[in-house]
Amino acid sequence: MQIRPSTSFALVLLDLKLPKVDGFEVLKQIKANPSTSALPVVILSSSKQVPDVDTSYELGANGYVQKPVNFDEFSDALRRVAEFWLGVNLAPGPELFKEEHRHKELGTKGVSVSAKPTEKRE
């Protein structure tokens, strides 16, 4: 699977159970690509099994939310996730998504690095 880098995304909401590919594999690809590794990824899954939660965080997920079955509860959970990640949380600046910048700053040319956003750069 090839991920095309894009700085137009502010947040990735990822289900673990996808029709053609495993959600863990998608997460690995996002975090392995220097152009997308800083994107916050929140897992939305019906599973609350400890191995699923732990594996998600080990692979670089920034959050894990169990999907409620009830539509109104699901909508509320999505609203709260979006409120935090798109409103309260300070995202990394666009420079962090440029592969050349990341390798230069981190000294990692040819090495995959996972970064979690902490504050917005201006």
PDB file of N, CA and C in Angstrom:
ATOM      1  N   MET A   1       0.846  -1.178   0.000  1.00  0.00           N
ATOM      2  CA  MET A   1       0.000   0.000   0.000  1.00  0.00           C
ATOM      3  C   MET A   1       0.889   1.237   0.000  1.00  0.00           C
ATOM      4  N   GLN A   2       0.551   2.202  -0.827  1.00  0.00           N
ATOM      5  CA  GLN A   2       1.303   3.434  -0.934  1.00  0.00           C
ATOM      6  C   GLN A   2       0.448   4.586  -0.439  1.00  0.00           C
ATOM      7  N   ILE A   3       0.976   5.370   0.504  1.00  0.00           N
ATOM      8  CA  ILE A   3       0.255   6.538   1.005  1.00  0.00           C
ATOM      9  C   ILE A   3       0.813   7.764   0.314  1.00  0.00           C
ATOM     10  N   ARG A   4      -0.055   8.562  -0.240  1.00  0.00           N
ATOM     11  CA  ARG A   4       0.369   9.805  -0.859  1.00  0.00           C
ATOM     12  C   ARG A   4       0.350  10.890   0.198  1.00  0.00           C
ATOM     13  N   PRO A   5       1.513  11.512   0.472  1.00  0.00           N
ATOM     14  CA  PRO A   5       1.579  12.539   1.498  1.00  0.00           C
ATOM     15  C   PRO A   5       0.693  13.737   1.154  1.00  0.00           C
ATOM     16  N   SER A   6       0.080  14.287   2.162  1.00  0.00           N
ATOM     17  CA  SER A   6      -0.738  15.475   1.976  1.00  0.00           C
ATOM     18  C   SER A   6      -0.781  16.229   3.289  1.00  0.00           C
ATOM     19  N   THR A   7      -0.586  17.518   3.222  1.00  0.00           N
ATOM     20  CA  THR A   7      -0.675  18.324   4.429  1.00  0.00           C
ATOM     21  C   THR A   7      -2.077  18.879   4.605  1.00  0.00           C
ATOM     22  N   SER A   8      -3.020  18.430   3.786  1.00  0.00           N
ATOM     23  CA  SER A   8      -4.376  18.945   3.890  1.00  0.00           C
ATOM     24  C   SER A   8      -5.177  18.240   4.986  1.00  0.00           C
ATOM     25  N   PHE A   9      -4.634  17.202   5.577  1.00  0.00           N
ATOM     26  CA  PHE A   9      -5.325  16.496   6.646  1.00  0.00           C
ATOM     27  C   PHE A   9      -4.873  17.024   8.007  1.00  0.00           C
ATOM     28  N   ALA A  10      -5.814  17.196   8.922  1.00  0.00           N
ATOM     29  CA  ALA A  10      -5.483  17.627  10.268  1.00  0.00           C
ATOM     30  C   ALA A  10      -5.616  16.479  11.257  1.00  0.00           C
ATOM     31  N   LEU A  11      -6.358  15.439  10.875  1.00  0.00           N
ATOM     32  CA  LEU A  11      -6.644  14.337  11.781  1.00  0.00           C
ATOM     33  C   LEU A  11      -7.045  13.113  10.967  1.00  0.00           C
ATOM     34  N   VAL A  12      -6.592  11.951  11.403  1.00  0.00           N
ATOM     35  CA  VAL A  12      -7.000  10.699  10.774  1.00  0.00           C
ATOM     36  C   VAL A  12      -7.835   9.920  11.780  1.00  0.00           C
ATOM     37  N   LEU A  13      -9.056   9.574  11.401  1.00  0.00           N
ATOM     38  CA  LEU A  13      -9.904   8.701  12.200  1.00  0.00           C
ATOM     39  C   LEU A  13      -9.862   7.342  11.517  1.00  0.00           C
ATOM     40  N   LEU A  14      -9.361   6.334  12.214  1.00  0.00           N
ATOM     41  CA  LEU A  14      -9.078   5.056  11.585  1.00  0.00           C
ATOM     42  C   LEU A  14      -9.779   3.914  12.299  1.00  0.00           C
ATOM     43  N   ASP A  15     -10.525   3.136  11.539  1.00  0.00           N
ATOM     44  CA  ASP A  15     -11.150   1.923  12.069  1.00  0.00           C
ATOM     45  C   ASP A  15     -10.159   0.778  11.887  1.00  0.00           C
ATOM     46  N   LEU A  16     -10.108  -0.140  12.818  1.00  0.00           N
ATOM     47  CA  LEU A  16      -9.200  -1.271  12.704  1.00  0.00           C
ATOM     48  C   LEU A  16      -9.713  -2.329  11.745  1.00  0.00           C
ATOM     49  N   LYS A  17     -11.022  -2.408  11.622  1.00  0.00           N
ATOM     50  CA  LYS A  17     -11.624  -3.445  10.780  1.00  0.00           C
ATOM     51  C   LYS A  17     -12.086  -2.833   9.463  1.00  0.00           C
ATOM     52  N   LEU A  18     -11.181  -2.870   8.492  1.00  0.00           N
ATOM     53  CA  LEU A  18     -11.461  -2.321   7.172  1.00  0.00           C
ATOM     54  C   LEU A  18     -11.697  -3.474   6.198  1.00  0.00           C
ATOM     55  N   PRO A  19     -12.435  -3.226   5.117  1.00  0.00           N
ATOM     56  CA  PRO A  19     -12.801  -4.329   4.226  1.00  0.00           C
ATOM     57  C   PRO A  19     -11.636  -5.008   3.504  1.00  0.00           C
ATOM     58  N   LYS A  20     -10.628  -4.264   3.065  1.00  0.00           N
ATOM     59  CA  LYS A  20      -9.581  -4.879   2.248  1.00  0.00           C
ATOM     60  C   LYS A  20      -8.201  -4.878   2.894  1.00  0.00           C
ATOM     61  N   VAL A  21      -8.018  -4.093   3.921  1.00  0.00           N
ATOM     62  CA  VAL A  21      -6.706  -4.012   4.561  1.00  0.00           C
ATOM     63  C   VAL A  21      -6.898  -3.864   6.064  1.00  0.00           C
ATOM     64  N   ASP A  22      -5.968  -4.388   6.803  1.00  0.00           N
ATOM     65  CA  ASP A  22      -6.005  -4.316   8.264  1.00  0.00           C
ATOM     66  C   ASP A  22      -5.701  -2.885   8.719  1.00  0.00           C
ATOM     67  N   GLY A  23      -6.481  -2.367   9.654  1.00  0.00           N
ATOM     68  CA  GLY A  23      -6.267  -1.021  10.163  1.00  0.00           C
ATOM     69  C   GLY A  23      -4.895  -0.827  10.779  1.00  0.00           C
ATOM     70  N   PHE A  24      -4.349  -1.872  11.404  1.00  0.00           N
ATOM     71  CA  PHE A  24      -2.993  -1.785  11.958  1.00  0.00           C
ATOM     72  C   PHE A  24      -1.977  -1.524  10.845  1.00  0.00           C
ATOM     73  N   GLU A  25      -2.187  -2.156   9.691  1.00  0.00           N
ATOM     74  CA  GLU A  25      -1.272  -1.953   8.558  1.00  0.00           C
ATOM     75  C   GLU A  25      -1.348  -0.513   8.056  1.00  0.00           C
ATOM     76  N   VAL A  26      -2.543   0.040   7.998  1.00  0.00           N
ATOM     77  CA  VAL A  26      -2.707   1.440   7.591  1.00  0.00           C
ATOM     78  C   VAL A  26      -1.977   2.342   8.581  1.00  0.00           C
ATOM     79  N   LEU A  27      -2.139   2.083   9.868  1.00  0.00           N
ATOM     80  CA  LEU A  27      -1.470   2.876  10.898  1.00  0.00           C
ATOM     81  C   LEU A  27       0.050   2.788  10.750  1.00  0.00           C
ATOM     82  N   LYS A  28       0.569   1.589  10.523  1.00  0.00           N
ATOM     83  CA  LYS A  28       2.019   1.418  10.319  1.00  0.00           C
ATOM     84  C   LYS A  28       2.505   2.265   9.152  1.00  0.00           C
ATOM     85  N   GLN A  29       1.750   2.240   8.044  1.00  0.00           N
ATOM     86  CA  GLN A  29       2.142   2.997   6.855  1.00  0.00           C
ATOM     87  C   GLN A  29       2.119   4.503   7.111  1.00  0.00           C
ATOM     88  N   ILE A  30       1.104   4.974   7.802  1.00  0.00           N
ATOM     89  CA  ILE A  30       1.012   6.408   8.114  1.00  0.00           C
ATOM     90  C   ILE A  30       2.205   6.836   8.961  1.00  0.00           C
ATOM     91  N   LYS A  31       2.510   6.070   9.984  1.00  0.00           N
ATOM     92  CA  LYS A  31       3.580   6.437  10.907  1.00  0.00           C
ATOM     93  C   LYS A  31       4.977   6.184  10.338  1.00  0.00           C
ATOM     94  N   ALA A  32       5.091   5.322   9.327  1.00  0.00           N
ATOM     95  CA  ALA A  32       6.394   5.040   8.720  1.00  0.00           C
ATOM     96  C   ALA A  32       6.787   6.085   7.678  1.00  0.00           C
ATOM     97  N   ASN A  33       5.831   6.813   7.170  1.00  0.00           N
ATOM     98  CA  ASN A  33       6.093   7.796   6.128  1.00  0.00           C
ATOM     99  C   ASN A  33       6.415   9.145   6.779  1.00  0.00           C
ATOM    100  N   PRO A  34       7.622   9.689   6.581  1.00  0.00           N
ATOM    101  CA  PRO A  34       7.981  10.963   7.207  1.00  0.00           C
ATOM    102  C   PRO A  34       7.031  12.105   6.867  1.00  0.00           C
ATOM    103  N   SER A  35       6.368  12.019   5.734  1.00  0.00           N
ATOM    104  CA  SER A  35       5.440  13.082   5.334  1.00  0.00           C
ATOM    105  C   SER A  35       4.085  12.994   6.030  1.00  0.00           C
ATOM    106  N   THR A  36       3.787  11.858   6.656  1.00  0.00           N
ATOM    107  CA  THR A  36       2.491  11.704   7.329  1.00  0.00           C
ATOM    108  C   THR A  36       2.620  11.291   8.792  1.00  0.00           C
ATOM    109  N   SER A  37       3.823  10.999   9.243  1.00  0.00           N
ATOM    110  CA  SER A  37       3.980  10.441  10.590  1.00  0.00           C
ATOM    111  C   SER A  37       3.545  11.380  11.712  1.00  0.00           C
ATOM    112  N   ALA A  38       3.551  12.676  11.460  1.00  0.00           N
ATOM    113  CA  ALA A  38       3.138  13.625  12.499  1.00  0.00           C
ATOM    114  C   ALA A  38       1.626  13.812  12.572  1.00  0.00           C
ATOM    115  N   LEU A  39       0.902  13.268  11.587  1.00  0.00           N
ATOM    116  CA  LEU A  39      -0.560  13.380  11.628  1.00  0.00           C
ATOM    117  C   LEU A  39      -1.106  12.649  12.844  1.00  0.00           C
ATOM    118  N   PRO A  40      -1.961  13.291  13.622  1.00  0.00           N
ATOM    119  CA  PRO A  40      -2.582  12.562  14.722  1.00  0.00           C
ATOM    120  C   PRO A  40      -3.556  11.517  14.178  1.00  0.00           C
ATOM    121  N   VAL A  41      -3.439  10.304  14.702  1.00  0.00           N
ATOM    122  CA  VAL A  41      -4.308   9.204  14.299  1.00  0.00           C
ATOM    123  C   VAL A  41      -5.087   8.745  15.521  1.00  0.00           C
ATOM    124  N   VAL A  42      -6.401   8.818  15.430  1.00  0.00           N
ATOM    125  CA  VAL A  42      -7.268   8.336  16.495  1.00  0.00           C
ATOM    126  C   VAL A  42      -7.978   7.097  15.976  1.00  0.00           C
ATOM    127  N   ILE A  43      -7.831   6.002  16.714  1.00  0.00           N
ATOM    128  CA  ILE A  43      -8.489   4.754  16.345  1.00  0.00           C
ATOM    129  C   ILE A  43      -9.933   4.812  16.824  1.00  0.00           C
ATOM    130  N   LEU A  44     -10.860   4.498  15.926  1.00  0.00           N
ATOM    131  CA  LEU A  44     -12.276   4.352  16.260  1.00  0.00           C
ATOM    132  C   LEU A  44     -12.616   2.896  15.996  1.00  0.00           C
ATOM    133  N   SER A  45     -12.870   2.144  17.033  1.00  0.00           N
ATOM    134  CA  SER A  45     -13.095   0.713  16.857  1.00  0.00           C
ATOM    135  C   SER A  45     -14.192   0.223  17.781  1.00  0.00           C
ATOM    136  N   SER A  46     -14.873  -0.808  17.343  1.00  0.00           N
ATOM    137  CA  SER A  46     -15.866  -1.437  18.214  1.00  0.00           C
ATOM    138  C   SER A  46     -15.178  -2.288  19.278  1.00  0.00           C
ATOM    139  N   SER A  47     -13.916  -2.608  19.059  1.00  0.00           N
ATOM    140  CA  SER A  47     -13.168  -3.450  19.997  1.00  0.00           C
ATOM    141  C   SER A  47     -12.668  -2.648  21.195  1.00  0.00           C
ATOM    142  N   LYS A  48     -12.783  -3.257  22.375  1.00  0.00           N
ATOM    143  CA  LYS A  48     -12.149  -2.667  23.550  1.00  0.00           C
ATOM    144  C   LYS A  48     -11.170  -3.676  24.158  1.00  0.00           C
ATOM    145  N   GLN A  49     -10.762  -4.637  23.323  1.00  0.00           N
ATOM    146  CA  GLN A  49      -9.820  -5.647  23.771  1.00  0.00           C
ATOM    147  C   GLN A  49      -8.453  -5.008  24.011  1.00  0.00           C
ATOM    148  N   VAL A  50      -7.852  -5.341  25.142  1.00  0.00           N
ATOM    149  CA  VAL A  50      -6.575  -4.762  25.534  1.00  0.00           C
ATOM    150  C   VAL A  50      -5.507  -4.930  24.448  1.00  0.00           C
ATOM    151  N   PRO A  51      -5.385  -6.103  23.801  1.00  0.00           N
ATOM    152  CA  PRO A  51      -4.364  -6.217  22.752  1.00  0.00           C
ATOM    153  C   PRO A  51      -4.565  -5.237  21.589  1.00  0.00           C
ATOM    154  N   ASP A  52      -5.814  -4.960  21.215  1.00  0.00           N
ATOM    155  CA  ASP A  52      -6.083  -3.996  20.141  1.00  0.00           C
ATOM    156  C   ASP A  52      -5.682  -2.583  20.571  1.00  0.00           C
ATOM    157  N   VAL A  53      -6.045  -2.230  21.788  1.00  0.00           N
ATOM    158  CA  VAL A  53      -5.708  -0.899  22.305  1.00  0.00           C
ATOM    159  C   VAL A  53      -4.192  -0.757  22.413  1.00  0.00           C
ATOM    160  N   ASP A  54      -3.550  -1.733  23.039  1.00  0.00           N
ATOM    161  CA  ASP A  54      -2.096  -1.667  23.232  1.00  0.00           C
ATOM    162  C   ASP A  54      -1.341  -1.641  21.907  1.00  0.00           C
ATOM    163  N   THR A  55      -1.745  -2.485  20.966  1.00  0.00           N
ATOM    164  CA  THR A  55      -1.077  -2.518  19.664  1.00  0.00           C
ATOM    165  C   THR A  55      -1.231  -1.185  18.945  1.00  0.00           C
ATOM    166  N   SER A  56      -2.402  -0.590  19.050  1.00  0.00           N
ATOM    167  CA  SER A  56      -2.628   0.709  18.414  1.00  0.00           C
ATOM    168  C   SER A  56      -1.646   1.746  18.935  1.00  0.00           C
ATOM    169  N   TYR A  57      -1.504   1.820  20.250  1.00  0.00           N
ATOM    170  CA  TYR A  57      -0.577   2.793  20.823  1.00  0.00           C
ATOM    171  C   TYR A  57       0.871   2.440  20.505  1.00  0.00           C
ATOM    172  N   GLU A  58       1.210   1.168  20.514  1.00  0.00           N
ATOM    173  CA  GLU A  58       2.571   0.750  20.177  1.00  0.00           C
ATOM    174  C   GLU A  58       2.939   1.138  18.752  1.00  0.00           C
ATOM    175  N   LEU A  59       1.956   1.136  17.865  1.00  0.00           N
ATOM    176  CA  LEU A  59       2.195   1.485  16.461  1.00  0.00           C
ATOM    177  C   LEU A  59       2.116   2.991  16.205  1.00  0.00           C
ATOM    178  N   GLY A  60       1.843   3.770  17.239  1.00  0.00           N
ATOM    179  CA  GLY A  60       1.871   5.220  17.095  1.00  0.00           C
ATOM    180  C   GLY A  60       0.546   5.943  17.118  1.00  0.00           C
ATOM    181  N   ALA A  61      -0.543   5.237  17.431  1.00  0.00           N
ATOM    182  CA  ALA A  61      -1.832   5.930  17.522  1.00  0.00           C
ATOM    183  C   ALA A  61      -1.759   6.995  18.613  1.00  0.00           C
ATOM    184  N   ASN A  62      -2.453   8.089  18.389  1.00  0.00           N
ATOM    185  CA  ASN A  62      -2.485   9.179  19.356  1.00  0.00           C
ATOM    186  C   ASN A  62      -3.679   9.097  20.290  1.00  0.00           C
ATOM    187  N   GLY A  63      -4.638   8.244  19.950  1.00  0.00           N
ATOM    188  CA  GLY A  63      -5.816   8.065  20.782  1.00  0.00           C
ATOM    189  C   GLY A  63      -6.582   6.828  20.337  1.00  0.00           C
ATOM    190  N   TYR A  64      -7.433   6.338  21.219  1.00  0.00           N
ATOM    191  CA  TYR A  64      -8.234   5.146  20.918  1.00  0.00           C
ATOM    192  C   TYR A  64      -9.610   5.363  21.523  1.00  0.00           C
ATOM    193  N   VAL A  65     -10.637   5.302  20.692  1.00  0.00           N
ATOM    194  CA  VAL A  65     -12.011   5.515  21.137  1.00  0.00           C
ATOM    195  C   VAL A  65     -12.838   4.297  20.732  1.00  0.00           C
ATOM    196  N   GLN A  66     -13.525   3.702  21.705  1.00  0.00           N
ATOM    197  CA  GLN A  66     -14.423   2.608  21.370  1.00  0.00           C
ATOM    198  C   GLN A  66     -15.695   3.219  20.781  1.00  0.00           C
ATOM    199  N   LYS A  67     -16.074   2.736  19.588  1.00  0.00           N
ATOM    200  CA  LYS A  67     -17.265   3.260  18.919  1.00  0.00           C
ATOM    201  C   LYS A  67     -18.513   2.816  19.658  1.00  0.00           C
ATOM    202  N   PRO A  68     -19.329   3.771  20.084  1.00  0.00           N
ATOM    203  CA  PRO A  68     -20.619   3.400  20.652  1.00  0.00           C
ATOM    204  C   PRO A  68     -21.529   2.808  19.574  1.00  0.00           C
ATOM    205  N   VAL A  69     -22.407   1.903  19.960  1.00  0.00           N
ATOM    206  CA  VAL A  69     -23.336   1.279  19.021  1.00  0.00           C
ATOM    207  C   VAL A  69     -24.475   2.233  18.668  1.00  0.00           C
ATOM    208  N   ASN A  70     -24.946   2.973  19.652  1.00  0.00           N
ATOM    209  CA  ASN A  70     -26.035   3.922  19.461  1.00  0.00           C
ATOM    210  C   ASN A  70     -25.569   5.098  18.599  1.00  0.00           C
ATOM    211  N   PHE A  71     -26.359   5.466  17.577  1.00  0.00           N
ATOM    212  CA  PHE A  71     -25.960   6.521  16.647  1.00  0.00           C
ATOM    213  C   PHE A  71     -25.741   7.863  17.347  1.00  0.00           C
ATOM    214  N   ASP A  72     -26.639   8.254  18.256  1.00  0.00           N
ATOM    215  CA  ASP A  72     -26.489   9.536  18.948  1.00  0.00           C
ATOM    216  C   ASP A  72     -25.220   9.565  19.793  1.00  0.00           C
ATOM    217  N   GLU A  73     -24.924   8.450  20.458  1.00  0.00           N
ATOM    218  CA  GLU A  73     -23.691   8.370  21.254  1.00  0.00           C
ATOM    219  C   GLU A  73     -22.460   8.399  20.351  1.00  0.00           C
ATOM    220  N   PHE A  74     -22.548   7.732  19.200  1.00  0.00           N
ATOM    221  CA  PHE A  74     -21.454   7.743  18.231  1.00  0.00           C
ATOM    222  C   PHE A  74     -21.209   9.164  17.723  1.00  0.00           C
ATOM    223  N   SER A  75     -22.279   9.868  17.368  1.00  0.00           N
ATOM    224  CA  SER A  75     -22.165  11.254  16.897  1.00  0.00           C
ATOM    225  C   SER A  75     -21.539  12.142  17.964  1.00  0.00           C
ATOM    226  N   ASP A  76     -21.944  11.948  19.208  1.00  0.00           N
ATOM    227  CA  ASP A  76     -21.392  12.736  20.307  1.00  0.00           C
ATOM    228  C   ASP A  76     -19.905  12.428  20.505  1.00  0.00           C
ATOM    229  N   ALA A  77     -19.535  11.155  20.410  1.00  0.00           N
ATOM    230  CA  ALA A  77     -18.125  10.771  20.553  1.00  0.00           C
ATOM    231  C   ALA A  77     -17.284  11.411  19.447  1.00  0.00           C
ATOM    232  N   LEU A  78     -17.778  11.373  18.211  1.00  0.00           N
ATOM    233  CA  LEU A  78     -17.057  12.011  17.105  1.00  0.00           C
ATOM    234  C   LEU A  78     -16.922  13.513  17.312  1.00  0.00           C
ATOM    235  N   ARG A  79     -17.993  14.143  17.780  1.00  0.00           N
ATOM    236  CA  ARG A  79     -17.952  15.584  18.044  1.00  0.00           C
ATOM    237  C   ARG A  79     -16.886  15.910  19.082  1.00  0.00           C
ATOM    238  N   ARG A  80     -16.821  15.114  20.152  1.00  0.00           N
ATOM    239  CA  ARG A  80     -15.839  15.366  21.209  1.00  0.00           C
ATOM    240  C   ARG A  80     -14.413  15.119  20.730  1.00  0.00           C
ATOM    241  N   VAL A  81     -14.219  14.079  19.925  1.00  0.00           N
ATOM    242  CA  VAL A  81     -12.884  13.813  19.359  1.00  0.00           C
ATOM    243  C   VAL A  81     -12.461  14.985  18.479  1.00  0.00           C
ATOM    244  N   ALA A  82     -13.343  15.425  17.593  1.00  0.00           N
ATOM    245  CA  ALA A  82     -13.035  16.543  16.702  1.00  0.00           C
ATOM    246  C   ALA A  82     -12.793  17.828  17.483  1.00  0.00           C
ATOM    247  N   GLU A  83     -13.598  18.055  18.512  1.00  0.00           N
ATOM    248  CA  GLU A  83     -13.441  19.240  19.352  1.00  0.00           C
ATOM    249  C   GLU A  83     -12.042  19.311  19.950  1.00  0.00           C
ATOM    250  N   PHE A  84     -11.569  18.175  20.471  1.00  0.00           N
ATOM    251  CA  PHE A  84     -10.239  18.164  21.075  1.00  0.00           C
ATOM    252  C   PHE A  84      -9.147  18.299  20.017  1.00  0.00           C
ATOM    253  N   TRP A  85      -9.141  17.387  19.025  1.00  0.00           N
ATOM    254  CA  TRP A  85      -8.028  17.329  18.079  1.00  0.00           C
ATOM    255  C   TRP A  85      -7.998  18.505  17.115  1.00  0.00           C
ATOM    256  N   LEU A  86      -9.155  19.059  16.786  1.00  0.00           N
ATOM    257  CA  LEU A  86      -9.199  20.154  15.823  1.00  0.00           C
ATOM    258  C   LEU A  86      -9.410  21.515  16.473  1.00  0.00           C
ATOM    259  N   GLY A  87      -9.758  21.517  17.759  1.00  0.00           N
ATOM    260  CA  GLY A  87     -10.000  22.785  18.436  1.00  0.00           C
ATOM    261  C   GLY A  87      -9.035  23.064  19.566  1.00  0.00           C
ATOM    262  N   VAL A  88      -8.917  22.150  20.506  1.00  0.00           N
ATOM    263  CA  VAL A  88      -8.104  22.356  21.702  1.00  0.00           C
ATOM    264  C   VAL A  88      -6.627  22.035  21.456  1.00  0.00           C
ATOM    265  N   ASN A  89      -6.362  20.917  20.799  1.00  0.00           N
ATOM    266  CA  ASN A  89      -4.999  20.461  20.559  1.00  0.00           C
ATOM    267  C   ASN A  89      -4.263  21.398  19.609  1.00  0.00           C
ATOM    268  N   LEU A  90      -2.996  21.653  19.894  1.00  0.00           N
ATOM    269  CA  LEU A  90      -2.161  22.438  18.991  1.00  0.00           C
ATOM    270  C   LEU A  90      -1.432  21.482  18.056  1.00  0.00           C
ATOM    271  N   ALA A  91      -1.677  21.620  16.773  1.00  0.00           N
ATOM    272  CA  ALA A  91      -1.109  20.721  15.767  1.00  0.00           C
ATOM    273  C   ALA A  91       0.281  21.175  15.355  1.00  0.00           C
ATOM    274  N   PRO A  92       1.075  20.253  14.796  1.00  0.00           N
ATOM    275  CA  PRO A  92       2.400  20.647  14.303  1.00  0.00           C
ATOM    276  C   PRO A  92       2.262  21.551  13.092  1.00  0.00           C
ATOM    277  N   GLY A  93       3.285  22.361  12.857  1.00  0.00           N
ATOM    278  CA  GLY A  93       3.287  23.241  11.701  1.00  0.00           C
ATOM    279  C   GLY A  93       3.546  22.477  10.425  1.00  0.00           C
ATOM    280  N   PRO A  94       3.285  23.094   9.278  1.00  0.00           N
ATOM    281  CA  PRO A  94       3.430  22.413   7.993  1.00  0.00           C
ATOM    282  C   PRO A  94       4.853  21.963   7.693  1.00  0.00           C
ATOM    283  N   GLU A  95       5.855  22.622   8.259  1.00  0.00           N
ATOM    284  CA  GLU A  95       7.245  22.230   8.012  1.00  0.00           C
ATOM    285  C   GLU A  95       7.518  20.806   8.467  1.00  0.00           C
ATOM    286  N   LEU A  96       6.834  20.361   9.493  1.00  0.00           N
ATOM    287  CA  LEU A  96       7.058  19.016  10.015  1.00  0.00           C
ATOM    288  C   LEU A  96       6.644  17.945   9.013  1.00  0.00           C
ATOM    289  N   PHE A  97       5.816  18.296   8.056  1.00  0.00           N
ATOM    290  CA  PHE A  97       5.330  17.329   7.076  1.00  0.00           C
ATOM    291  C   PHE A  97       6.209  17.266   5.823  1.00  0.00           C
ATOM    292  N   LYS A  98       7.208  18.111   5.752  1.00  0.00           N
ATOM    293  CA  LYS A  98       8.104  18.098   4.603  1.00  0.00           C
ATOM    294  C   LYS A  98       9.238  17.129   4.880  1.00  0.00           C
ATOM    295  N   GLU A  99       9.350  16.122   4.046  1.00  0.00           N
ATOM    296  CA  GLU A  99      10.311  15.035   4.269  1.00  0.00           C
ATOM    297  C   GLU A  99      11.737  15.550   4.417  1.00  0.00           C
ATOM    298  N   GLU A 100      12.176  16.463   3.567  1.00  0.00           N
ATOM    299  CA  GLU A 100      13.544  16.969   3.632  1.00  0.00           C
ATOM    300  C   GLU A 100      13.801  17.640   4.982  1.00  0.00           C
ATOM    301  N   HIS A 101      12.848  18.427   5.452  1.00  0.00           N
ATOM    302  CA  HIS A 101      12.986  19.112   6.740  1.00  0.00           C
ATOM    303  C   HIS A 101      13.110  18.105   7.872  1.00  0.00           C
ATOM    304  N   ARG A 102      12.272  17.085   7.858  1.00  0.00           N
ATOM    305  CA  ARG A 102      12.278  16.112   8.946  1.00  0.00           C
ATOM    306  C   ARG A 102      13.597  15.360   9.006  1.00  0.00           C
ATOM    307  N   HIS A 103      14.118  14.967   7.844  1.00  0.00           N
ATOM    308  CA  HIS A 103      15.383  14.235   7.841  1.00  0.00           C
ATOM    309  C   HIS A 103      16.528  15.141   8.294  1.00  0.00           C
ATOM    310  N   LYS A 104      16.515  16.380   7.843  1.00  0.00           N
ATOM    311  CA  LYS A 104      17.566  17.331   8.207  1.00  0.00           C
ATOM    312  C   LYS A 104      17.549  17.615   9.702  1.00  0.00           C
ATOM    313  N   GLU A 105      16.372  17.933  10.231  1.00  0.00           N
ATOM    314  CA  GLU A 105      16.235  18.270  11.646  1.00  0.00           C
ATOM    315  C   GLU A 105      16.510  17.082  12.560  1.00  0.00           C
ATOM    316  N   LEU A 106      16.068  15.903  12.149  1.00  0.00           N
ATOM    317  CA  LEU A 106      16.165  14.731  13.016  1.00  0.00           C
ATOM    318  C   LEU A 106      17.368  13.851  12.704  1.00  0.00           C
ATOM    319  N   GLY A 107      18.086  14.151  11.627  1.00  0.00           N
ATOM    320  CA  GLY A 107      19.229  13.334  11.251  1.00  0.00           C
ATOM    321  C   GLY A 107      18.843  11.905  10.948  1.00  0.00           C
ATOM    322  N   THR A 108      17.738  11.721  10.213  1.00  0.00           N
ATOM    323  CA  THR A 108      17.199  10.381  10.014  1.00  0.00           C
ATOM    324  C   THR A 108      17.031  10.009   8.553  1.00  0.00           C
ATOM    325  N   LYS A 109      17.844  10.526   7.674  1.00  0.00           N
ATOM    326  CA  LYS A 109      17.655  10.201   6.259  1.00  0.00           C
ATOM    327  C   LYS A 109      17.606   8.697   6.064  1.00  0.00           C
ATOM    328  N   GLY A 110      16.504   8.232   5.482  1.00  0.00           N
ATOM    329  CA  GLY A 110      16.337   6.811   5.235  1.00  0.00           C
ATOM    330  C   GLY A 110      15.809   6.032   6.427  1.00  0.00           C
ATOM    331  N   VAL A 111      15.523   6.720   7.534  1.00  0.00           N
ATOM    332  CA  VAL A 111      15.020   6.060   8.734  1.00  0.00           C
ATOM    333  C   VAL A 111      13.618   6.550   9.008  1.00  0.00           C
ATOM    334  N   SER A 112      12.732   5.654   9.382  1.00  0.00           N
ATOM    335  CA  SER A 112      11.361   6.020   9.703  1.00  0.00           C
ATOM    336  C   SER A 112      11.294   6.551  11.131  1.00  0.00           C
ATOM    337  N   VAL A 113      10.655   7.701  11.294  1.00  0.00           N
ATOM    338  CA  VAL A 113      10.530   8.310  12.616  1.00  0.00           C
ATOM    339  C   VAL A 113       9.069   8.626  12.865  1.00  0.00           C
ATOM    340  N   SER A 114       8.590   8.316  14.054  1.00  0.00           N
ATOM    341  CA  SER A 114       7.228   8.646  14.426  1.00  0.00           C
ATOM    342  C   SER A 114       7.257   9.802  15.405  1.00  0.00           C
ATOM    343  N   ALA A 115       6.503  10.854  15.102  1.00  0.00           N
ATOM    344  CA  ALA A 115       6.444  12.016  15.982  1.00  0.00           C
ATOM    345  C   ALA A 115       5.006  12.270  16.364  1.00  0.00           C
ATOM    346  N   LYS A 116       4.798  12.665  17.604  1.00  0.00           N
ATOM    347  CA  LYS A 116       3.461  13.014  18.055  1.00  0.00           C
ATOM    348  C   LYS A 116       3.409  14.527  18.234  1.00  0.00           C
ATOM    349  N   PRO A 117       2.354  15.165  17.739  1.00  0.00           N
ATOM    350  CA  PRO A 117       2.284  16.623  17.828  1.00  0.00           C
ATOM    351  C   PRO A 117       2.110  17.070  19.269  1.00  0.00           C
ATOM    352  N   THR A 118       2.814  18.177  19.597  1.00  0.00           N
ATOM    353  CA  THR A 118       2.675  18.701  20.944  1.00  0.00           C
ATOM    354  C   THR A 118       2.267  20.161  20.938  1.00  0.00           C
ATOM    355  N   GLU A 119       2.817  20.954  20.031  1.00  0.00           N
ATOM    356  CA  GLU A 119       2.381  22.329  19.974  1.00  0.00           C
ATOM    357  C   GLU A 119       2.500  22.862  18.563  1.00  0.00           C
ATOM    358  N   LYS A 120       1.682  23.845  18.267  1.00  0.00           N
ATOM    359  CA  LYS A 120       1.649  24.422  16.923  1.00  0.00           C
ATOM    360  C   LYS A 120       2.816  25.378  16.758  1.00  0.00           C
ATOM    361  N   ARG A 121       3.466  25.289  15.617  1.00  0.00           N
ATOM    362  CA  ARG A 121       4.556  26.225  15.293  1.00  0.00           C
ATOM    363  C   ARG A 121       4.019  27.292  14.370  1.00  0.00           C
ATOM    364  N   GLU A 122       4.451  28.506  14.579  1.00  0.00           N
ATOM    365  CA  GLU A 122       3.986  29.583  13.712  1.00  0.00           C
ATOM    366  C   GLU A 122       5.144  30.230  12.999  1.00  0.00           C
TER     367      GLU A 122
END
